[in-house]
Structure formats: C-alpha cells, structure tokens
C-alpha cells in the first residue's frame, strides 16, 4: 500500500511539474533589413508576452537583419532593451553574421546576446519543441 501511495505521489508531482513548465515557446527567425519587419517582430514579441506572460520568446538575427540590433542603426533599440529585461525573452545574434558584417560586440544594442550560429540556434530550439516563426511581410 505504501508503494502505491508513493507511486501516486510521484505521478502527481510529475504532472504538477509538467504543468508548471511554459507551454508557449517560440523562436522568431529574422533575416530582413526591412525596418517594417523589425517593428513587426517587436510587436509580435510583445503580443506573445502579453497573451501569455510565462511564454518563452527568442528572436534570432542573421543575414541582413543586423541593423535591428546595432546601435545607431536600430529603429527599435529601446524596445529591445526593455523587452530583454524580461527573463522569458531574448534577442540573439549570429556571430558568423556579425563577422560577415564587421559588427563588434560593443556595437550591439543593450540586451542583445550572441550565439555561434543563428541557424543552429533555430534548429536547436525546434528540436527542443519550440514553435518557429519567420518574420516577414
């Protein structure tokens, strides 16, 4: 009987643990230099976090999108800095793309992090069950 109670207790704890995990995890893929896409990405991130505050959101930058996360070029720098203060949101730029575009770490908007490879970052998130959204209009 003690064994059954123990097993049921473990199952209950396991289900509580699983329900406490955020179900809403999305990675946004941004490669566009179009500032309308940059603004749209910010709007989508804000909408996700407003609809589900426990959601995990990540925006990955590579290709031509680096102006969005570069000081003195970004039209959404303040929004990135504000959103990145949320522990459930992150903005990550590909180091390969940074090298290709001659962008140094000190040129990044506050709150932006780097990853070795943007495509690998996105694929890894998808493998881990994250939803995928390509930012484009």
Protein backbone atom coordinates (compact mmCIF):
# COMPACT_ATOMS: atom_id res chain seq x y z
CA UNK A 1 0.00 0.00 0.00
CA UNK A 2 2.85 2.38 0.84
CA UNK A 3 4.37 1.63 -2.53
CA UNK A 4 1.13 2.57 -4.33
CA UNK A 5 0.83 5.82 -2.37
CA UNK A 6 4.45 6.64 -3.13
CA UNK A 7 3.97 5.97 -6.86
CA UNK A 8 0.76 8.02 -6.98
CA UNK A 9 2.50 10.86 -5.15
CA UNK A 10 5.37 10.80 -7.63
CA UNK A 11 2.96 10.82 -10.57
CA UNK A 12 1.10 13.76 -9.07
CA UNK A 13 4.34 15.70 -8.51
CA UNK A 14 5.45 14.89 -12.03
CA UNK A 15 2.20 16.19 -13.51
CA UNK A 16 2.41 19.36 -11.39
CA UNK A 17 5.99 19.88 -12.58
CA UNK A 18 4.98 19.43 -16.22
CA UNK A 19 2.05 21.81 -15.92
CA UNK A 20 4.35 24.44 -14.38
CA UNK A 21 6.57 24.40 -17.46
CA UNK A 22 5.76 27.05 -20.03
CA UNK A 23 3.90 25.53 -22.96
CA UNK A 24 4.33 28.56 -25.15
CA UNK A 25 7.87 28.67 -26.55
CA UNK A 26 8.53 30.41 -29.83
CA UNK A 27 11.64 31.35 -31.77
CA UNK A 28 11.43 34.12 -34.33
CA UNK A 29 13.77 33.98 -37.34
CA UNK A 30 14.72 37.44 -38.60
CA UNK A 31 16.93 37.94 -41.66
CA UNK A 32 15.36 41.03 -43.20
CA UNK A 33 16.85 44.53 -43.25
CA UNK A 34 13.33 45.97 -43.68
CA UNK A 35 12.53 48.17 -40.68
CA UNK A 36 8.84 47.26 -41.05
CA UNK A 37 9.84 43.66 -40.27
CA UNK A 38 11.85 44.89 -37.29
CA UNK A 39 8.83 46.74 -35.90
CA UNK A 40 6.59 43.76 -36.64
CA UNK A 41 8.92 41.41 -34.72
CA UNK A 42 8.79 43.69 -31.67
CA UNK A 43 5.00 43.86 -31.91
CA UNK A 44 4.72 40.05 -32.11
CA UNK A 45 7.07 39.51 -29.16
CA UNK A 46 5.07 41.99 -27.08
CA UNK A 47 1.79 40.35 -28.10
CA UNK A 48 3.02 36.88 -27.14
CA UNK A 49 4.29 38.06 -23.76
CA UNK A 50 1.07 39.97 -23.10
CA UNK A 51 -1.12 36.99 -24.03
CA UNK A 52 0.99 34.53 -22.03
CA UNK A 53 3.43 36.11 -19.55
CA UNK A 54 5.12 32.75 -18.91
CA UNK A 55 5.86 32.24 -22.60
CA UNK A 56 9.46 31.91 -23.68
CA UNK A 57 10.33 34.04 -26.69
CA UNK A 58 13.58 34.31 -28.60
CA UNK A 59 14.42 36.35 -31.68
CA UNK A 60 17.42 35.15 -33.71
CA UNK A 61 19.16 37.56 -36.10
CA UNK A 62 21.36 36.74 -39.06
CA UNK A 63 21.60 37.59 -42.74
CA UNK A 64 20.65 41.20 -43.45
CA UNK A 65 18.82 41.87 -40.16
CA UNK A 66 21.74 43.11 -38.09
CA UNK A 67 20.77 46.79 -38.31
CA UNK A 68 17.92 45.94 -35.94
CA UNK A 69 20.37 45.10 -33.14
CA UNK A 70 23.14 47.58 -33.97
CA UNK A 71 23.43 50.82 -32.00
CA UNK A 72 22.77 53.97 -34.05
CA UNK A 73 21.04 51.93 -36.77
CA UNK A 74 18.16 50.25 -34.95
CA UNK A 75 14.71 51.81 -35.08
CA UNK A 76 13.62 49.57 -32.18
CA UNK A 77 16.67 49.73 -29.87
CA UNK A 78 14.72 51.00 -26.84
CA UNK A 79 12.10 48.26 -27.24
CA UNK A 80 14.79 45.56 -27.49
CA UNK A 81 16.47 46.79 -24.32
CA UNK A 82 13.15 46.96 -22.47
CA UNK A 83 11.91 43.54 -23.61
CA UNK A 84 15.26 41.84 -22.98
CA UNK A 85 14.92 42.74 -19.29
CA UNK A 86 12.14 40.11 -19.18
CA UNK A 87 13.75 36.78 -18.22
CA UNK A 88 11.46 34.98 -20.69
CA UNK A 89 12.57 36.99 -23.72
CA UNK A 90 15.88 37.07 -25.53
CA UNK A 91 17.42 38.57 -28.63
CA UNK A 92 20.33 36.60 -30.07
CA UNK A 93 22.55 37.48 -33.00
CA UNK A 94 24.66 35.06 -35.02
CA UNK A 95 28.43 35.60 -34.55
CA UNK A 96 29.03 34.38 -38.12
CA UNK A 97 26.76 37.17 -39.40
CA UNK A 98 28.44 39.70 -37.11
CA UNK A 99 31.82 38.78 -38.58
CA UNK A 100 30.47 38.95 -42.16
CA UNK A 101 29.06 42.45 -41.49
CA UNK A 102 32.04 43.70 -39.44
CA UNK A 103 29.98 44.24 -36.30
CA UNK A 104 31.70 44.16 -32.92
CA UNK A 105 30.18 43.31 -29.54
CA UNK A 106 30.28 46.95 -28.37
CA UNK A 107 28.05 47.92 -31.31
CA UNK A 108 25.14 45.74 -30.13
CA UNK A 109 22.03 47.24 -28.58
CA UNK A 110 21.89 46.65 -24.81
CA UNK A 111 20.31 43.30 -24.01
CA UNK A 112 21.33 41.53 -27.23
CA UNK A 113 23.25 38.28 -26.77
CA UNK A 114 25.31 36.30 -29.28
CA UNK A 115 25.18 32.70 -30.45
CA UNK A 116 27.86 30.94 -32.50
CA UNK A 117 25.50 30.13 -35.38
CA UNK A 118 22.00 31.56 -35.85
CA UNK A 119 20.69 28.71 -37.98
CA UNK A 120 21.92 26.13 -35.49
CA UNK A 121 20.24 28.12 -32.69
CA UNK A 122 16.90 27.97 -34.50
CA UNK A 123 17.23 24.28 -35.34
CA UNK A 124 18.13 23.51 -31.71
CA UNK A 125 15.07 25.37 -30.46
CA UNK A 126 12.84 23.48 -32.88
CA UNK A 127 14.37 20.18 -31.77
CA UNK A 128 13.53 21.17 -28.19
CA UNK A 129 9.87 21.71 -29.09
CA UNK A 130 9.84 25.44 -29.75
CA UNK A 131 7.48 26.84 -32.35
CA UNK A 132 9.10 28.60 -35.32
CA UNK A 133 8.02 31.87 -36.94
CA UNK A 134 9.76 33.51 -39.90
CA UNK A 135 9.43 37.28 -39.58
CA UNK A 136 8.41 38.64 -42.95
CA UNK A 137 5.62 40.64 -44.51
